[in-house]
Amino acid sequence: MSVRAKFKLVGREEGREGFSLRFEPVVSGSPENDQFFKYTPWGVLRLGIISADAAREFTVGDDYYLDFTTAPHPS
């Protein structure tokens, strides 16, 4: 199974334990976004990141693909 979603980073907060990133699905702005919105109409994703270097890779206002693929079960 493989599903691709497209989310926009709408907020980033820094705290004692790292960074909290808030993503929301794209809803408009391009034909591609309109297509994604047909299949991902709502939701919120929160991602916690400890590393400041990793958190800097994400820019508020940018769009990101999120790919869901089935992971194998550990033996």
PDB file of N, CA and C in Angstrom:
ATOM      1  N   MET A   1       0.840  -1.173   0.000  1.00  0.00           N
ATOM      2  CA  MET A   1       0.000   0.000   0.000  1.00  0.00           C
ATOM      3  C   MET A   1       0.887   1.238   0.000  1.00  0.00           C
ATOM      4  N   SER A   2       0.466   2.246  -0.736  1.00  0.00           N
ATOM      5  CA  SER A   2       1.185   3.510  -0.739  1.00  0.00           C
ATOM      6  C   SER A   2       0.183   4.633  -0.977  1.00  0.00           C
ATOM      7  N   VAL A   3       0.219   5.636  -0.111  1.00  0.00           N
ATOM      8  CA  VAL A   3      -0.659   6.799  -0.228  1.00  0.00           C
ATOM      9  C   VAL A   3       0.191   8.040  -0.025  1.00  0.00           C
ATOM     10  N   ARG A   4       0.017   9.029  -0.897  1.00  0.00           N
ATOM     11  CA  ARG A   4       0.754  10.285  -0.766  1.00  0.00           C
ATOM     12  C   ARG A   4      -0.230  11.392  -0.411  1.00  0.00           C
ATOM     13  N   ALA A   5       0.102  12.155   0.617  1.00  0.00           N
ATOM     14  CA  ALA A   5      -0.672  13.325   1.029  1.00  0.00           C
ATOM     15  C   ALA A   5       0.224  14.546   0.895  1.00  0.00           C
ATOM     16  N   LYS A   6      -0.393  15.712   0.856  1.00  0.00           N
ATOM     17  CA  LYS A   6       0.378  16.955   0.755  1.00  0.00           C
ATOM     18  C   LYS A   6      -0.099  17.894   1.855  1.00  0.00           C
ATOM     19  N   PHE A   7       0.844  18.320   2.697  1.00  0.00           N
ATOM     20  CA  PHE A   7       0.533  19.156   3.853  1.00  0.00           C
ATOM     21  C   PHE A   7       1.342  20.443   3.804  1.00  0.00           C
ATOM     22  N   LYS A   8       0.776  21.487   4.376  1.00  0.00           N
ATOM     23  CA  LYS A   8       1.457  22.781   4.515  1.00  0.00           C
ATOM     24  C   LYS A   8       1.862  22.946   5.972  1.00  0.00           C
ATOM     25  N   LEU A   9       3.099  23.385   6.201  1.00  0.00           N
ATOM     26  CA  LEU A   9       3.545  23.691   7.563  1.00  0.00           C
ATOM     27  C   LEU A   9       2.949  25.040   7.947  1.00  0.00           C
ATOM     28  N   VAL A  10       2.073  25.033   8.949  1.00  0.00           N
ATOM     29  CA  VAL A  10       1.371  26.254   9.342  1.00  0.00           C
ATOM     30  C   VAL A  10       1.882  26.832  10.655  1.00  0.00           C
ATOM     31  N   GLY A  11       2.698  26.092  11.382  1.00  0.00           N
ATOM     32  CA  GLY A  11       3.219  26.621  12.632  1.00  0.00           C
ATOM     33  C   GLY A  11       4.408  25.840  13.145  1.00  0.00           C
ATOM     34  N   ARG A  12       5.292  26.549  13.820  1.00  0.00           N
ATOM     35  CA  ARG A  12       6.467  25.923  14.433  1.00  0.00           C
ATOM     36  C   ARG A  12       6.701  26.600  15.768  1.00  0.00           C
ATOM     37  N   GLU A  13       6.771  25.801  16.816  1.00  0.00           N
ATOM     38  CA  GLU A  13       7.006  26.327  18.162  1.00  0.00           C
ATOM     39  C   GLU A  13       8.237  25.660  18.745  1.00  0.00           C
ATOM     40  N   GLU A  14       9.011  26.439  19.473  1.00  0.00           N
ATOM     41  CA  GLU A  14      10.183  25.897  20.158  1.00  0.00           C
ATOM     42  C   GLU A  14       9.903  25.858  21.642  1.00  0.00           C
ATOM     43  N   GLY A  15      10.238  24.744  22.261  1.00  0.00           N
ATOM     44  CA  GLY A  15      10.058  24.583  23.697  1.00  0.00           C
ATOM     45  C   GLY A  15      11.285  23.948  24.316  1.00  0.00           C
ATOM     46  N   ARG A  16      11.198  23.636  25.585  1.00  0.00           N
ATOM     47  CA  ARG A  16      12.329  23.030  26.298  1.00  0.00           C
ATOM     48  C   ARG A  16      12.706  21.671  25.736  1.00  0.00           C
ATOM     49  N   GLU A  17      11.731  20.963  25.208  1.00  0.00           N
ATOM     50  CA  GLU A  17      11.977  19.595  24.743  1.00  0.00           C
ATOM     51  C   GLU A  17      12.180  19.508  23.238  1.00  0.00           C
ATOM     52  N   GLY A  18      12.294  20.641  22.558  1.00  0.00           N
ATOM     53  CA  GLY A  18      12.514  20.624  21.115  1.00  0.00           C
ATOM     54  C   GLY A  18      11.507  21.486  20.388  1.00  0.00           C
ATOM     55  N   PHE A  19      11.130  21.050  19.218  1.00  0.00           N
ATOM     56  CA  PHE A  19      10.264  21.818  18.338  1.00  0.00           C
ATOM     57  C   PHE A  19       8.986  21.047  18.058  1.00  0.00           C
ATOM     58  N   SER A  20       7.900  21.775  17.937  1.00  0.00           N
ATOM     59  CA  SER A  20       6.619  21.199  17.559  1.00  0.00           C
ATOM     60  C   SER A  20       6.210  21.825  16.235  1.00  0.00           C
ATOM     61  N   LEU A  21       6.001  20.986  15.228  1.00  0.00           N
ATOM     62  CA  LEU A  21       5.595  21.447  13.914  1.00  0.00           C
ATOM     63  C   LEU A  21       4.145  21.055  13.686  1.00  0.00           C
ATOM     64  N   ARG A  22       3.359  22.002  13.169  1.00  0.00           N
ATOM     65  CA  ARG A  22       1.941  21.740  12.895  1.00  0.00           C
ATOM     66  C   ARG A  22       1.698  21.860  11.394  1.00  0.00           C
ATOM     67  N   PHE A  23       1.165  20.788  10.825  1.00  0.00           N
ATOM     68  CA  PHE A  23       0.870  20.719   9.404  1.00  0.00           C
ATOM     69  C   PHE A  23      -0.639  20.574   9.199  1.00  0.00           C
ATOM     70  N   GLU A  24      -1.134  21.170   8.127  1.00  0.00           N
ATOM     71  CA  GLU A  24      -2.519  20.997   7.717  1.00  0.00           C
ATOM     72  C   GLU A  24      -2.526  20.645   6.235  1.00  0.00           C
ATOM     73  N   PRO A  25      -3.522  19.870   5.781  1.00  0.00           N
ATOM     74  CA  PRO A  25      -3.541  19.486   4.375  1.00  0.00           C
ATOM     75  C   PRO A  25      -3.723  20.697   3.475  1.00  0.00           C
ATOM     76  N   VAL A  26      -3.139  20.628   2.282  1.00  0.00           N
ATOM     77  CA  VAL A  26      -3.340  21.699   1.306  1.00  0.00           C
ATOM     78  C   VAL A  26      -4.788  21.650   0.839  1.00  0.00           C
ATOM     79  N   VAL A  27      -5.326  22.818   0.515  1.00  0.00           N
ATOM     80  CA  VAL A  27      -6.724  22.865   0.083  1.00  0.00           C
ATOM     81  C   VAL A  27      -6.910  23.587  -1.247  1.00  0.00           C
ATOM     82  N   SER A  28      -5.934  24.385  -1.660  1.00  0.00           N
ATOM     83  CA  SER A  28      -6.079  25.121  -2.916  1.00  0.00           C
ATOM     84  C   SER A  28      -4.736  25.736  -3.282  1.00  0.00           C
ATOM     85  N   GLY A  29      -4.738  26.511  -4.357  1.00  0.00           N
ATOM     86  CA  GLY A  29      -3.536  27.237  -4.744  1.00  0.00           C
ATOM     87  C   GLY A  29      -2.891  26.743  -6.013  1.00  0.00           C
ATOM     88  N   SER A  30      -3.226  25.532  -6.438  1.00  0.00           N
ATOM     89  CA  SER A  30      -2.685  24.995  -7.683  1.00  0.00           C
ATOM     90  C   SER A  30      -3.558  23.815  -8.104  1.00  0.00           C
ATOM     91  N   PRO A  31      -3.493  23.421  -9.361  1.00  0.00           N
ATOM     92  CA  PRO A  31      -4.241  22.225  -9.780  1.00  0.00           C
ATOM     93  C   PRO A  31      -3.839  20.983  -8.974  1.00  0.00           C
ATOM     94  N   GLU A  32      -2.535  20.866  -8.659  1.00  0.00           N
ATOM     95  CA  GLU A  32      -2.101  19.713  -7.858  1.00  0.00           C
ATOM     96  C   GLU A  32      -2.734  19.750  -6.472  1.00  0.00           C
ATOM     97  N   ASN A  33      -2.747  20.927  -5.834  1.00  0.00           N
ATOM     98  CA  ASN A  33      -3.355  21.043  -4.506  1.00  0.00           C
ATOM     99  C   ASN A  33      -4.842  20.744  -4.555  1.00  0.00           C
ATOM    100  N   ASP A  34      -5.527  21.200  -5.607  1.00  0.00           N
ATOM    101  CA  ASP A  34      -6.953  20.888  -5.756  1.00  0.00           C
ATOM    102  C   ASP A  34      -7.160  19.385  -5.839  1.00  0.00           C
ATOM    103  N   GLN A  35      -6.270  18.687  -6.543  1.00  0.00           N
ATOM    104  CA  GLN A  35      -6.371  17.238  -6.669  1.00  0.00           C
ATOM    105  C   GLN A  35      -6.143  16.557  -5.320  1.00  0.00           C
ATOM    106  N   PHE A  36      -5.123  16.990  -4.569  1.00  0.00           N
ATOM    107  CA  PHE A  36      -4.883  16.403  -3.251  1.00  0.00           C
ATOM    108  C   PHE A  36      -6.061  16.655  -2.323  1.00  0.00           C
ATOM    109  N   PHE A  37      -6.661  17.842  -2.401  1.00  0.00           N
ATOM    110  CA  PHE A  37      -7.767  18.182  -1.510  1.00  0.00           C
ATOM    111  C   PHE A  37      -8.957  17.255  -1.718  1.00  0.00           C
ATOM    112  N   LYS A  38      -9.140  16.761  -2.933  1.00  0.00           N
ATOM    113  CA  LYS A  38     -10.243  15.839  -3.195  1.00  0.00           C
ATOM    114  C   LYS A  38     -10.121  14.564  -2.360  1.00  0.00           C
ATOM    115  N   TYR A  39      -8.887  14.194  -2.012  1.00  0.00           N
ATOM    116  CA  TYR A  39      -8.664  12.928  -1.316  1.00  0.00           C
ATOM    117  C   TYR A  39      -8.202  13.102   0.127  1.00  0.00           C
ATOM    118  N   THR A  40      -7.753  14.273   0.506  1.00  0.00           N
ATOM    119  CA  THR A  40      -7.305  14.547   1.873  1.00  0.00           C
ATOM    120  C   THR A  40      -7.986  15.834   2.347  1.00  0.00           C
ATOM    121  N   PRO A  41      -9.288  15.797   2.566  1.00  0.00           N
ATOM    122  CA  PRO A  41     -10.008  17.037   2.821  1.00  0.00           C
ATOM    123  C   PRO A  41      -9.801  17.658   4.191  1.00  0.00           C
ATOM    124  N   TRP A  42      -9.326  16.920   5.181  1.00  0.00           N
ATOM    125  CA  TRP A  42      -9.130  17.535   6.490  1.00  0.00           C
ATOM    126  C   TRP A  42      -8.131  16.718   7.293  1.00  0.00           C
ATOM    127  N   GLY A  43      -7.637  17.325   8.348  1.00  0.00           N
ATOM    128  CA  GLY A  43      -6.710  16.644   9.238  1.00  0.00           C
ATOM    129  C   GLY A  43      -5.664  17.605   9.754  1.00  0.00           C
ATOM    130  N   VAL A  44      -4.976  17.165  10.770  1.00  0.00           N
ATOM    131  CA  VAL A  44      -3.875  17.931  11.359  1.00  0.00           C
ATOM    132  C   VAL A  44      -2.773  16.941  11.674  1.00  0.00           C
ATOM    133  N   LEU A  45      -1.550  17.345  11.416  1.00  0.00           N
ATOM    134  CA  LEU A  45      -0.395  16.522  11.745  1.00  0.00           C
ATOM    135  C   LEU A  45       0.515  17.328  12.645  1.00  0.00           C
ATOM    136  N   ARG A  46       0.874  16.777  13.776  1.00  0.00           N
ATOM    137  CA  ARG A  46       1.850  17.401  14.672  1.00  0.00           C
ATOM    138  C   ARG A  46       3.063  16.514  14.708  1.00  0.00           C
ATOM    139  N   LEU A  47       4.223  17.141  14.521  1.00  0.00           N
ATOM    140  CA  LEU A  47       5.482  16.409  14.496  1.00  0.00           C
ATOM    141  C   LEU A  47       6.413  17.033  15.513  1.00  0.00           C
ATOM    142  N   GLY A  48       6.937  16.232  16.404  1.00  0.00           N
ATOM    143  CA  GLY A  48       7.908  16.709  17.381  1.00  0.00           C
ATOM    144  C   GLY A  48       9.313  16.407  16.907  1.00  0.00           C
ATOM    145  N   ILE A  49      10.189  17.398  16.985  1.00  0.00           N
ATOM    146  CA  ILE A  49      11.583  17.238  16.558  1.00  0.00           C
ATOM    147  C   ILE A  49      12.498  17.730  17.667  1.00  0.00           C
ATOM    148  N   ILE A  50      13.470  16.938  18.039  1.00  0.00           N
ATOM    149  CA  ILE A  50      14.416  17.319  19.084  1.00  0.00           C
ATOM    150  C   ILE A  50      15.566  18.133  18.511  1.00  0.00           C
ATOM    151  N   SER A  51      16.037  17.762  17.346  1.00  0.00           N
ATOM    152  CA  SER A  51      17.217  18.391  16.742  1.00  0.00           C
ATOM    153  C   SER A  51      16.879  19.747  16.111  1.00  0.00           C
ATOM    154  N   ALA A  52      17.577  20.805  16.535  1.00  0.00           N
ATOM    155  CA  ALA A  52      17.390  22.132  15.946  1.00  0.00           C
ATOM    156  C   ALA A  52      17.790  22.124  14.477  1.00  0.00           C
ATOM    157  N   ASP A  53      18.838  21.385  14.118  1.00  0.00           N
ATOM    158  CA  ASP A  53      19.262  21.304  12.719  1.00  0.00           C
ATOM    159  C   ASP A  53      18.154  20.701  11.856  1.00  0.00           C
ATOM    160  N   ALA A  54      17.523  19.650  12.341  1.00  0.00           N
ATOM    161  CA  ALA A  54      16.435  19.026  11.595  1.00  0.00           C
ATOM    162  C   ALA A  54      15.229  19.963  11.508  1.00  0.00           C
ATOM    163  N   ALA A  55      14.912  20.656  12.584  1.00  0.00           N
ATOM    164  CA  ALA A  55      13.767  21.572  12.595  1.00  0.00           C
ATOM    165  C   ALA A  55      13.952  22.709  11.595  1.00  0.00           C
ATOM    166  N   ARG A  56      15.189  23.146  11.403  1.00  0.00           N
ATOM    167  CA  ARG A  56      15.466  24.225  10.451  1.00  0.00           C
ATOM    168  C   ARG A  56      15.211  23.821   9.004  1.00  0.00           C
ATOM    169  N   GLU A  57      15.114  22.530   8.740  1.00  0.00           N
ATOM    170  CA  GLU A  57      14.833  22.049   7.389  1.00  0.00           C
ATOM    171  C   GLU A  57      13.388  22.322   6.978  1.00  0.00           C
ATOM    172  N   PHE A  58      12.545  22.677   7.926  1.00  0.00           N
ATOM    173  CA  PHE A  58      11.124  22.920   7.670  1.00  0.00           C
ATOM    174  C   PHE A  58      10.832  24.408   7.756  1.00  0.00           C
ATOM    175  N   THR A  59      10.155  24.949   6.730  1.00  0.00           N
ATOM    176  CA  THR A  59       9.852  26.367   6.658  1.00  0.00           C
ATOM    177  C   THR A  59       8.345  26.569   6.717  1.00  0.00           C
ATOM    178  N   VAL A  60       7.891  27.389   7.666  1.00  0.00           N
ATOM    179  CA  VAL A  60       6.469  27.691   7.775  1.00  0.00           C
ATOM    180  C   VAL A  60       6.001  28.297   6.454  1.00  0.00           C
ATOM    181  N   GLY A  61       4.888  27.787   5.958  1.00  0.00           N
ATOM    182  CA  GLY A  61       4.318  28.249   4.696  1.00  0.00           C
ATOM    183  C   GLY A  61       4.632  27.351   3.520  1.00  0.00           C
ATOM    184  N   ASP A  62       5.637  26.478   3.664  1.00  0.00           N
ATOM    185  CA  ASP A  62       5.982  25.557   2.579  1.00  0.00           C
ATOM    186  C   ASP A  62       5.107  24.312   2.636  1.00  0.00           C
ATOM    187  N   ASP A  63       4.944  23.677   1.474  1.00  0.00           N
ATOM    188  CA  ASP A  63       4.200  22.428   1.360  1.00  0.00           C
ATOM    189  C   ASP A  63       5.169  21.252   1.394  1.00  0.00           C
ATOM    190  N   TYR A  64       4.682  20.126   1.940  1.00  0.00           N
ATOM    191  CA  TYR A  64       5.500  18.912   2.045  1.00  0.00           C
ATOM    192  C   TYR A  64       4.652  17.699   1.690  1.00  0.00           C
ATOM    193  N   TYR A  65       5.263  16.767   0.981  1.00  0.00           N
ATOM    194  CA  TYR A  65       4.615  15.493   0.715  1.00  0.00           C
ATOM    195  C   TYR A  65       4.796  14.586   1.931  1.00  0.00           C
ATOM    196  N   LEU A  66       3.780  13.818   2.196  1.00  0.00           N
ATOM    197  CA  LEU A  66       3.835  12.825   3.260  1.00  0.00           C
ATOM    198  C   LEU A  66       3.432  11.494   2.644  1.00  0.00           C
ATOM    199  N   ASP A  67       4.378  10.576   2.580  1.00  0.00           N
ATOM    200  CA  ASP A  67       4.130   9.275   1.968  1.00  0.00           C
ATOM    201  C   ASP A  67       3.893   8.229   3.046  1.00  0.00           C
ATOM    202  N   PHE A  68       2.778   7.528   2.898  1.00  0.00           N
ATOM    203  CA  PHE A  68       2.447   6.423   3.791  1.00  0.00           C
ATOM    204  C   PHE A  68       2.659   5.129   3.029  1.00  0.00           C
ATOM    205  N   THR A  69       3.532   4.291   3.546  1.00  0.00           N
ATOM    206  CA  THR A  69       3.735   2.964   2.973  1.00  0.00           C
ATOM    207  C   THR A  69       3.712   1.967   4.113  1.00  0.00           C
ATOM    208  N   THR A  70       3.234   0.798   3.833  1.00  0.00           N
ATOM    209  CA  THR A  70       3.174  -0.240   4.846  1.00  0.00           C
ATOM    210  C   THR A  70       4.594  -0.669   5.203  1.00  0.00           C
ATOM    211  N   ALA A  71       4.872  -0.704   6.486  1.00  0.00           N
ATOM    212  CA  ALA A  71       6.183  -1.156   6.965  1.00  0.00           C
ATOM    213  C   ALA A  71       6.117  -2.638   7.315  1.00  0.00           C
ATOM    214  N   PRO A  72       7.197  -3.344   7.060  1.00  0.00           N
ATOM    215  CA  PRO A  72       7.180  -4.771   7.419  1.00  0.00           C
ATOM    216  C   PRO A  72       7.166  -4.953   8.924  1.00  0.00           C
ATOM    217  N   HIS A  73       6.524  -5.996   9.363  1.00  0.00           N
ATOM    218  CA  HIS A  73       6.490  -6.330  10.786  1.00  0.00           C
ATOM    219  C   HIS A  73       7.853  -6.910  11.185  1.00  0.00           C
ATOM    220  N   PRO A  74       8.355  -6.541  12.365  1.00  0.00           N
ATOM    221  CA  PRO A  74       9.623  -7.137  12.806  1.00  0.00           C
ATOM    222  C   PRO A  74       9.466  -8.633  13.038  1.00  0.00           C
ATOM    223  N   SER A  75      10.506  -9.350  12.773  1.00  0.00           N
ATOM    224  CA  SER A  75      10.485 -10.804  12.944  1.00  0.00           C
ATOM    225  C   SER A  75      10.504 -11.183  14.397  1.00  0.00           C
TER     226      SER A  75
END
